[in-house]
Amino acid sequence: MAYPSDEGISAVTSPFDWKALTGFLKREPRYDILEDKENGIEVNGKGVKIFGYHLTFGSKPFENIVLQLPRWTPSLLSQNPDLVNENVIQSLQSKEDYIAPEIGFIIEFSFLAGFAKKRTGTRKIGILKLDVDNLGTILGLLSSKKVAEELSKRISVFFGDTLNDLLALSISSDSENSTANTFRENIYTVFAGGDDCFFVGAWDVILQWANLLQEQFNSVSQNFDTYITSSSQEIISDLKKQLPLTISGGLVMLDPTYPTTRFADLAGDALDDAKYFTYPGEQKYDFTKAKINLLNQVLTWNEYNLTLTTANELKDLVIKEGEPRSTVEKLRSTAKEFERLYNRANINRIQGPAVSKLFYHIRNSPNQAALSQTIITPFAKDLIGIFAKGDPSNPLKYPLAARIAEFLTRNYKA
């Protein structure tokens, strides 16, 4: 089967012209777009089902035109015969039709979760949705239509060309079972363009990916203030309140067998919670967005970064310093105690001795000083900041870090 030439898809421009793309596919006799009752997302060797439509083709896998799809390579197939055999057995048990992966085939969600399990011991996928904050407001305030179009174009370039370059980067992993070592091999880009994007991938890589995208976008957006061109000082003042541009995100972790029809809803709900979250004391209509909802905890991007850093420090204590995994599990299981202290701090009723109870969980640890420095002392300082100064922060990032560390160390056997 021949694939469309560059000339055949020249009508599909960047930013993506979806109408031109679907028109091209409908005219091509080699592709069929059919309505599907399942309003979800599914990829396999035969094609793509997405949001109520099914794109089908002949005997070869769909050639990527717009979506950035992870694909099987010779090295991935040679590194993962265990995952392939595991999927064969599962399909036989469930009596489902099974198409064995071949070079060039799209990597299914179950395999992305399998890659994560080989690295961490936890077989899950991550669902991430990101959105640029207040972009419509900013474009509306710009006095020049040309300038507004240029800003919009630059954002589209970031979610197109720049994102594509980032997918080629290597992931961070020190696992002996490391496989699928680039972002592109671990992430399925559902859509990316305009001012938002949506990804499905191996859960451990999606955590890294969210952080990488935010850091790169933050670096680029520092230059967007050059687009403030207006004779009205009032409008300039309003624009400066909105800049630099920021992004908000929602990230959930699921089993790969979770119904795909709810992927987008869960990620969208998490994103909404992040965009409209306010700390105690913040004004309802005067708050900072630029937050991410990770596993039902809304964090600033700095807090998100700190959560991942703390999780990796805890992981290193387990893997490199002989810390029992049970210590991490105990810290994670104290989430309710952490939350009770946090809530008391918000109403100015924190008791000093209550924090000291957390030290009980590390009394027999061979790494007491490191654990105290990594998670317990910072948590206590956050509580004091809330209690004494009303600092906006979410100390529950520390038990969340312990939870992620637990996911990261399930492969480890002392």
Protein backbone atom coordinates (compact mmCIF):
# COMPACT_ATOMS: atom_id res chain seq x y z
CA MET A 1 0.00 0.00 0.00
CA ALA A 2 1.40 3.38 -0.94
CA TYR A 3 1.19 6.24 1.48
CA PRO A 4 0.28 9.81 0.58
CA SER A 5 3.08 11.90 -0.80
CA ASP A 6 4.12 15.26 0.60
CA GLU A 7 2.25 16.88 -2.29
CA GLY A 8 -0.88 14.96 -1.33
CA ILE A 9 -1.06 16.55 2.08
CA SER A 10 0.23 19.99 1.23
CA ALA A 11 -3.18 21.40 2.10
CA VAL A 12 -2.59 20.43 5.73
CA THR A 13 -0.66 23.38 7.03
CA SER A 14 0.85 24.28 10.38
CA PRO A 15 -0.95 25.07 12.61
CA PHE A 16 -2.92 21.97 11.69
CA ASP A 17 -5.82 22.53 9.34
CA TRP A 18 -8.12 19.75 10.55
CA LYS A 19 -10.78 20.46 7.93
CA ALA A 20 -8.21 20.08 5.13
CA LEU A 21 -6.82 16.91 6.70
CA THR A 22 -10.18 15.18 7.07
CA GLY A 23 -11.17 16.31 3.60
CA PHE A 24 -8.00 14.76 2.18
CA LEU A 25 -8.57 11.49 4.04
CA LYS A 26 -12.19 11.27 2.86
CA ARG A 27 -11.09 11.76 -0.77
CA GLU A 28 -8.34 9.14 -0.49
CA PRO A 29 -9.68 5.70 -1.53
CA ARG A 30 -7.01 4.07 0.68
CA TYR A 31 -8.58 5.47 3.88
CA ASP A 32 -12.09 5.33 5.32
CA ILE A 33 -13.49 7.51 8.10
CA LEU A 34 -16.42 5.79 9.78
CA GLU A 35 -18.61 6.83 12.69
CA ASP A 36 -18.07 4.75 15.80
CA LYS A 37 -20.43 4.25 18.73
CA GLU A 38 -17.59 4.36 21.25
CA ASN A 39 -16.62 7.96 21.93
CA GLY A 40 -13.11 7.10 23.12
CA ILE A 41 -9.54 6.62 22.01
CA GLU A 42 -8.06 3.35 20.76
CA VAL A 43 -4.95 2.58 18.74
CA ASN A 44 -3.74 -0.75 17.43
CA GLY A 45 -2.05 -2.23 14.42
CA LYS A 46 -5.18 -1.76 12.34
CA GLY A 47 -5.86 1.91 12.84
CA VAL A 48 -7.09 4.71 15.06
CA LYS A 49 -10.43 5.25 16.83
CA ILE A 50 -10.82 8.71 18.30
CA PHE A 51 -13.76 10.78 19.59
CA GLY A 52 -16.50 8.93 17.75
CA TYR A 53 -14.71 8.18 14.46
CA HIS A 54 -12.71 5.23 13.18
CA LEU A 55 -9.93 5.72 10.61
CA THR A 56 -9.33 2.44 8.79
CA PHE A 57 -6.93 1.32 6.07
CA GLY A 58 -5.51 -1.74 4.34
CA SER A 59 -3.07 -4.37 5.58
CA LYS A 60 -0.34 -1.96 6.73
CA PRO A 61 -0.33 0.37 9.73
CA PHE A 62 -1.54 3.94 9.42
CA GLU A 63 1.25 6.28 8.34
CA ASN A 64 1.50 9.16 10.81
CA ILE A 65 0.35 12.41 9.21
CA VAL A 66 -0.56 14.64 12.12
CA LEU A 67 -0.62 12.75 15.40
CA GLN A 68 2.72 11.90 16.98
CA LEU A 69 2.35 8.17 17.52
CA PRO A 70 4.88 5.87 19.24
CA ARG A 71 5.90 3.05 16.93
CA TRP A 72 7.58 -0.30 17.26
CA THR A 73 11.22 -0.33 16.13
CA PRO A 74 13.50 -3.35 15.69
CA SER A 75 15.26 -2.56 18.98
CA LEU A 76 11.98 -2.20 20.90
CA LEU A 77 10.74 -5.53 19.60
CA SER A 78 14.02 -7.27 20.47
CA GLN A 79 14.03 -5.74 23.98
CA ASN A 80 10.46 -6.66 24.85
CA PRO A 81 9.61 -10.26 23.88
CA ASP A 82 8.26 -10.74 27.42
CA LEU A 83 5.68 -7.98 26.95
CA VAL A 84 4.65 -9.33 23.56
CA ASN A 85 4.19 -12.85 24.98
CA GLU A 86 2.28 -11.47 27.96
CA ASN A 87 -0.18 -9.68 25.66
CA VAL A 88 -0.63 -12.84 23.58
CA ILE A 89 -1.55 -14.83 26.70
CA GLN A 90 -3.96 -12.13 27.91
CA SER A 91 -5.69 -11.96 24.52
CA LEU A 92 -6.11 -15.76 24.45
CA GLN A 93 -7.58 -15.72 27.96
CA SER A 94 -10.02 -12.95 27.06
CA LYS A 95 -10.74 -14.49 23.65
CA GLU A 96 -10.07 -11.16 21.95
CA ASP A 97 -8.65 -10.73 18.48
CA TYR A 98 -4.96 -10.00 18.77
CA ILE A 99 -2.57 -8.44 16.30
CA ALA A 100 1.05 -9.07 17.23
CA PRO A 101 3.23 -5.95 16.98
CA GLU A 102 5.51 -5.54 13.99
CA ILE A 103 8.04 -2.92 13.00
CA GLY A 104 6.20 0.32 12.27
CA PHE A 105 3.03 -0.64 14.13
CA ILE A 106 1.62 1.83 16.65
CA ILE A 107 2.48 0.92 20.25
CA GLU A 108 -0.73 0.21 22.15
CA PHE A 109 -1.54 1.62 25.59
CA SER A 110 -1.03 -1.78 27.24
CA PHE A 111 2.57 -1.83 26.03
CA LEU A 112 3.22 1.74 27.19
CA ALA A 113 2.07 0.63 30.64
CA GLY A 114 4.31 -2.42 30.26
CA PHE A 115 7.34 -0.23 29.57
CA ALA A 116 6.59 1.68 32.78
CA LYS A 117 6.26 -1.56 34.73
CA LYS A 118 9.66 -2.79 33.55
CA ARG A 119 11.24 0.46 34.74
CA THR A 120 9.33 0.90 38.00
CA GLY A 121 7.20 -2.12 38.84
CA THR A 122 3.98 -0.12 38.39
CA ARG A 123 1.84 -0.88 35.34
CA LYS A 124 -0.13 2.29 34.64
CA ILE A 125 -0.56 4.95 32.00
CA GLY A 126 -0.66 8.70 32.53
CA ILE A 127 -3.23 11.04 30.97
CA LEU A 128 -2.14 14.67 30.65
CA LYS A 129 -4.05 17.69 29.39
CA LEU A 130 -2.45 21.16 29.23
CA ASP A 131 -3.94 24.53 28.39
CA VAL A 132 -2.50 28.05 28.00
CA ASP A 133 -3.95 30.33 30.68
CA ASN A 134 -6.01 33.38 29.67
CA LEU A 135 -4.87 33.30 26.03
CA GLY A 136 -8.23 34.49 24.70
CA THR A 137 -8.18 37.46 27.08
CA ILE A 138 -4.67 38.44 26.04
CA LEU A 139 -5.39 38.19 22.31
CA GLY A 140 -8.50 40.29 22.84
CA LEU A 141 -6.52 43.01 24.60
CA LEU A 142 -3.88 43.32 21.89
CA SER A 143 -4.61 46.37 19.76
CA SER A 144 -3.12 45.00 16.55
CA LYS A 145 -4.71 42.07 14.75
CA LYS A 146 -1.36 41.37 13.09
CA VAL A 147 0.41 41.21 16.45
CA ALA A 148 -2.30 38.95 17.87
CA GLU A 149 -1.89 36.60 14.88
CA GLU A 150 1.89 36.58 15.33
CA LEU A 151 1.57 35.67 19.02
CA SER A 152 -0.94 32.94 18.19
CA LYS A 153 1.41 31.63 15.50
CA ARG A 154 4.36 31.48 17.90
CA ILE A 155 2.30 29.49 20.40
CA SER A 156 1.27 27.10 17.62
CA VAL A 157 4.92 26.67 16.68
CA PHE A 158 5.69 25.68 20.27
CA PHE A 159 2.93 23.05 20.30
CA GLY A 160 4.03 21.86 16.86
CA ASP A 161 7.70 22.04 15.89
CA THR A 162 9.12 22.55 19.39
CA LEU A 163 7.01 19.78 20.86
CA ASN A 164 8.13 17.46 18.08
CA ASP A 165 11.79 18.20 18.89
CA LEU A 166 11.19 17.55 22.60
CA LEU A 167 9.67 14.14 21.85
CA ALA A 168 13.05 13.06 20.47
CA LEU A 169 14.81 13.69 23.81
CA SER A 170 15.84 10.85 26.12
CA ILE A 171 13.87 10.16 29.28
CA SER A 172 15.47 10.05 32.70
CA SER A 173 15.72 6.48 33.98
CA ASP A 174 18.30 4.57 36.00
CA SER A 175 16.44 1.27 35.82
CA GLU A 176 18.36 -1.81 34.77
CA ASN A 177 15.22 -2.81 32.88
CA SER A 178 15.18 0.47 30.98
CA THR A 179 13.41 0.24 27.64
CA ALA A 180 11.79 2.72 25.25
CA ASN A 181 14.29 5.42 26.14
CA THR A 182 12.85 8.47 24.35
CA PHE A 183 9.70 10.46 25.03
CA ARG A 184 8.43 9.61 21.54
CA GLU A 185 8.58 5.88 22.29
CA ASN A 186 6.49 6.35 25.45
CA ILE A 187 3.90 8.99 24.57
CA TYR A 188 0.89 9.13 22.26
CA THR A 189 -0.01 12.70 21.30
CA VAL A 190 -3.78 12.82 20.94
CA PHE A 191 -3.70 16.45 19.85
CA ALA A 192 -1.42 19.44 20.17
CA GLY A 193 -2.15 22.80 18.64
CA GLY A 194 -3.72 26.16 19.24
CA ASP A 195 -3.47 26.66 22.97
CA ASP A 196 -3.92 23.15 24.37
CA CYS A 197 -2.65 19.60 24.10
CA PHE A 198 -3.55 16.12 25.28
CA PHE A 199 -1.22 13.14 25.83
CA VAL A 200 -1.44 9.48 26.84
CA GLY A 201 1.70 7.59 27.81
CA ALA A 202 3.70 5.52 30.26
CA TRP A 203 2.92 7.05 33.66
CA ASP A 204 6.53 7.65 34.77
CA VAL A 205 7.38 9.35 31.48
CA ILE A 206 4.22 11.49 31.47
CA LEU A 207 5.31 12.89 34.86
CA GLN A 208 8.63 13.95 33.32
CA TRP A 209 6.94 15.17 30.13
CA ALA A 210 4.63 17.58 31.96
CA ASN A 211 7.59 19.12 33.78
CA LEU A 212 9.64 19.41 30.59
CA LEU A 213 6.84 21.08 28.62
CA GLN A 214 6.17 23.59 31.38
CA GLU A 215 9.84 24.51 31.70
CA GLN A 216 10.23 24.92 27.94
CA PHE A 217 7.01 26.92 27.59
CA ASN A 218 7.99 29.14 30.51
CA SER A 219 11.33 29.85 28.82
CA VAL A 220 9.66 30.78 25.52
CA SER A 221 6.85 32.83 27.09
CA GLN A 222 9.30 35.24 28.73
CA ASN A 223 9.59 36.92 25.32
CA PHE A 224 5.85 37.32 24.77
CA ASP A 225 5.73 40.67 26.59
CA THR A 226 7.19 42.23 23.43
CA TYR A 227 3.66 42.01 21.99
CA ILE A 228 2.34 44.73 24.29
CA THR A 229 1.61 47.45 21.75
CA SER A 230 -1.27 49.73 22.57
CA SER A 231 -1.81 53.44 23.00
CA SER A 232 -4.08 52.79 25.98
CA GLN A 233 -2.17 52.68 29.25
CA GLU A 234 -5.16 50.98 30.84
CA ILE A 235 -4.97 48.11 28.33
CA ILE A 236 -1.19 47.86 28.73
CA SER A 237 -1.70 47.58 32.49
CA ASP A 238 -4.28 44.82 32.00
CA LEU A 239 -1.94 42.96 29.64
CA LYS A 240 0.96 43.09 32.04
CA LYS A 241 -1.21 41.44 34.67
CA GLN A 242 -1.67 38.48 32.31
CA LEU A 243 2.00 38.07 31.33
CA PRO A 244 4.15 36.09 31.13
CA LEU A 245 1.92 33.47 29.58
CA THR A 246 1.54 30.33 31.67
CA ILE A 247 0.01 26.89 31.28
CA SER A 248 -2.14 24.78 33.58
CA GLY A 249 -2.48 21.02 33.55
CA GLY A 250 -4.41 18.00 34.73
CA LEU A 251 -2.67 14.64 35.16
CA VAL A 252 -4.30 11.37 36.13
CA MET A 253 -2.90 7.85 36.35
CA LEU A 254 -4.99 4.87 35.25
CA ASP A 255 -4.80 1.19 34.48
CA PRO A 256 -4.39 0.64 30.72
CA THR A 257 -7.68 -1.27 30.71
CA TYR A 258 -9.61 1.74 32.05
CA PRO A 259 -12.47 2.67 29.66
CA THR A 260 -11.01 5.03 27.09
CA THR A 261 -14.32 6.84 26.73
CA ARG A 262 -13.59 8.61 30.02
CA PHE A 263 -9.94 9.53 29.44
CA ALA A 264 -10.63 13.01 28.14
CA ASP A 265 -13.29 13.74 30.77
CA LEU A 266 -11.04 12.81 33.69
CA ALA A 267 -8.10 14.82 32.36
CA GLY A 268 -10.38 17.75 31.52
CA ASP A 269 -11.92 17.75 35.01
CA ALA A 270 -8.45 17.66 36.57
CA LEU A 271 -7.37 20.57 34.36
CA ASP A 272 -10.43 22.62 35.35
CA ASP A 273 -9.70 22.01 39.02
CA ALA A 274 -6.15 23.28 38.49
CA LYS A 275 -7.18 26.40 36.55
CA TYR A 276 -9.74 27.57 39.07
CA PHE A 277 -8.14 26.46 42.32
CA THR A 278 -7.62 29.10 45.00
CA TYR A 279 -5.60 28.86 48.17
CA PRO A 280 -7.28 29.87 51.44
CA GLY A 281 -7.23 33.67 51.55
CA GLU A 282 -6.98 34.18 47.78
CA GLN A 283 -9.66 36.29 46.15
CA LYS A 284 -12.02 34.32 43.93
CA TYR A 285 -11.37 36.56 40.91
CA ASP A 286 -7.78 37.54 41.69
CA PHE A 287 -5.68 34.39 41.80
CA THR A 288 -2.79 32.90 39.91
CA LYS A 289 -3.41 29.99 37.55
CA ALA A 290 -0.21 28.24 36.34
CA LYS A 291 -0.97 25.12 38.38
CA ILE A 292 -1.27 21.39 37.76
CA ASN A 293 -3.61 18.86 39.31
CA LEU A 294 -1.63 15.69 40.02
CA LEU A 295 -3.65 12.81 41.46
CA ASN A 296 -6.25 15.21 42.92
CA GLN A 297 -3.70 17.53 44.52
CA VAL A 298 -3.41 21.00 42.94
CA LEU A 299 0.16 22.28 42.94
CA THR A 300 2.03 25.24 41.52
CA TRP A 301 4.59 24.20 38.92
CA ASN A 302 7.37 24.84 41.45
CA GLU A 303 5.58 22.54 43.89
CA TYR A 304 5.13 19.95 41.13
CA ASN A 305 8.84 20.08 40.39
CA LEU A 306 9.62 19.74 44.11
CA THR A 307 7.22 16.78 44.37
CA LEU A 308 9.06 14.91 41.60
CA THR A 309 12.45 15.82 43.09
CA THR A 310 11.39 14.61 46.54
CA ALA A 311 9.96 11.39 45.08
CA ASN A 312 13.25 10.67 43.33
CA GLU A 313 15.22 11.42 46.50
CA LEU A 314 13.07 8.93 48.40
CA LYS A 315 13.51 6.42 45.58
CA ASP A 316 17.31 6.80 45.77
CA LEU A 317 17.22 6.25 49.55
CA VAL A 318 15.44 2.94 48.93
CA ILE A 319 17.51 1.74 45.98
CA LYS A 320 20.95 3.14 46.84
CA GLU A 321 20.93 3.57 50.63
CA GLY A 322 19.05 0.50 51.78
CA GLU A 323 16.00 2.28 53.15
CA PRO A 324 13.15 -0.24 53.58
CA ARG A 325 10.23 0.37 51.22
CA SER A 326 7.99 0.07 54.26
CA THR A 327 9.25 3.47 55.42
CA VAL A 328 8.03 5.10 52.20
CA GLU A 329 4.73 3.25 52.50
CA LYS A 330 4.30 4.53 56.08
CA LEU A 331 5.00 8.12 54.98
CA ARG A 332 2.53 7.74 52.14
CA SER A 333 -0.10 6.19 54.41
CA THR A 334 0.05 9.19 56.74
CA ALA A 335 -1.60 11.37 54.09
CA LYS A 336 -4.68 11.83 56.31
CA GLU A 337 -2.47 12.94 59.19
CA PHE A 338 -0.66 15.38 56.90
CA GLU A 339 -3.99 16.70 55.66
CA ARG A 340 -5.38 17.12 59.19
CA LEU A 341 -2.32 19.19 60.16
CA TYR A 342 -2.66 21.24 56.96
CA ASN A 343 -6.33 21.98 57.62
CA ARG A 344 -5.54 23.02 61.19
CA ALA A 345 -2.82 25.35 59.93
CA ASN A 346 -5.33 27.03 57.63
CA ILE A 347 -7.53 27.89 60.61
CA ASN A 348 -4.60 28.82 62.86
CA ARG A 349 -4.95 25.80 65.14
CA ILE A 350 -1.72 23.88 64.55
CA GLN A 351 -0.05 22.15 67.47
CA GLY A 352 3.72 21.76 67.46
CA PRO A 353 3.77 18.27 69.02
CA ALA A 354 1.53 17.00 66.23
CA VAL A 355 4.32 17.44 63.67
CA SER A 356 6.72 15.50 65.86
CA LYS A 357 4.46 12.44 65.52
CA LEU A 358 5.66 12.11 61.95
CA PHE A 359 9.17 11.38 63.20
CA TYR A 360 7.78 8.23 64.78
CA HIS A 361 7.58 6.61 61.36
CA ILE A 362 11.34 6.96 60.78
CA ARG A 363 12.54 6.08 64.28
CA ASN A 364 14.20 2.85 63.10
CA SER A 365 15.34 4.15 59.74
CA PRO A 366 19.03 3.88 58.78
CA ASN A 367 18.58 7.23 57.00
CA GLN A 368 16.80 9.32 59.64
CA ALA A 369 18.71 12.53 58.88
CA ALA A 370 18.14 12.25 55.11
CA LEU A 371 14.42 11.49 55.52
CA SER A 372 13.98 14.37 57.93
CA GLN A 373 15.69 16.75 55.51
CA THR A 374 13.83 15.42 52.48
CA ILE A 375 10.23 15.32 53.68
CA ILE A 376 9.43 15.95 57.36
CA THR A 377 11.30 19.20 58.09
CA PRO A 378 10.16 20.86 54.80
CA PHE A 379 6.58 19.84 55.59
CA ALA A 380 6.84 21.40 59.06
CA LYS A 381 8.23 24.62 57.55
CA ASP A 382 5.32 24.78 55.10
CA LEU A 383 2.83 24.43 57.94
CA ILE A 384 4.57 27.18 59.91
CA GLY A 385 4.51 29.42 56.82
CA ILE A 386 0.75 28.91 56.46
CA PHE A 387 0.12 29.40 60.16
CA ALA A 388 2.39 32.40 60.74
CA LYS A 389 2.29 34.27 57.42
CA GLY A 390 -0.58 32.85 55.41
CA ASP A 391 1.80 31.61 52.70
CA PRO A 392 -0.08 30.01 49.78
CA SER A 393 1.24 26.48 49.43
CA ASN A 394 0.12 22.86 49.46
CA PRO A 395 2.15 20.84 52.01
CA LEU A 396 0.34 17.69 50.86
CA LYS A 397 2.93 17.54 48.10
CA TYR A 398 5.12 15.63 50.56
CA PRO A 399 2.84 12.61 51.11
CA LEU A 400 2.13 12.80 47.36
CA ALA A 401 5.89 12.53 46.73
CA ALA A 402 5.99 9.46 48.99
CA ARG A 403 3.15 7.93 46.99
CA ILE A 404 5.01 8.47 43.71
CA ALA A 405 8.21 7.08 45.27
CA GLU A 406 6.24 3.98 46.20
CA PHE A 407 5.17 3.58 42.55
CA LEU A 408 8.79 4.11 41.43
CA THR A 409 10.26 1.38 43.65
CA ARG A 410 7.93 -1.58 43.22
CA ASN A 411 10.59 -3.36 41.17
CA TYR A 412 13.09 -3.04 44.00
CA LYS A 413 13.73 -6.07 46.21
CA ALA A 414 15.93 -5.47 49.27
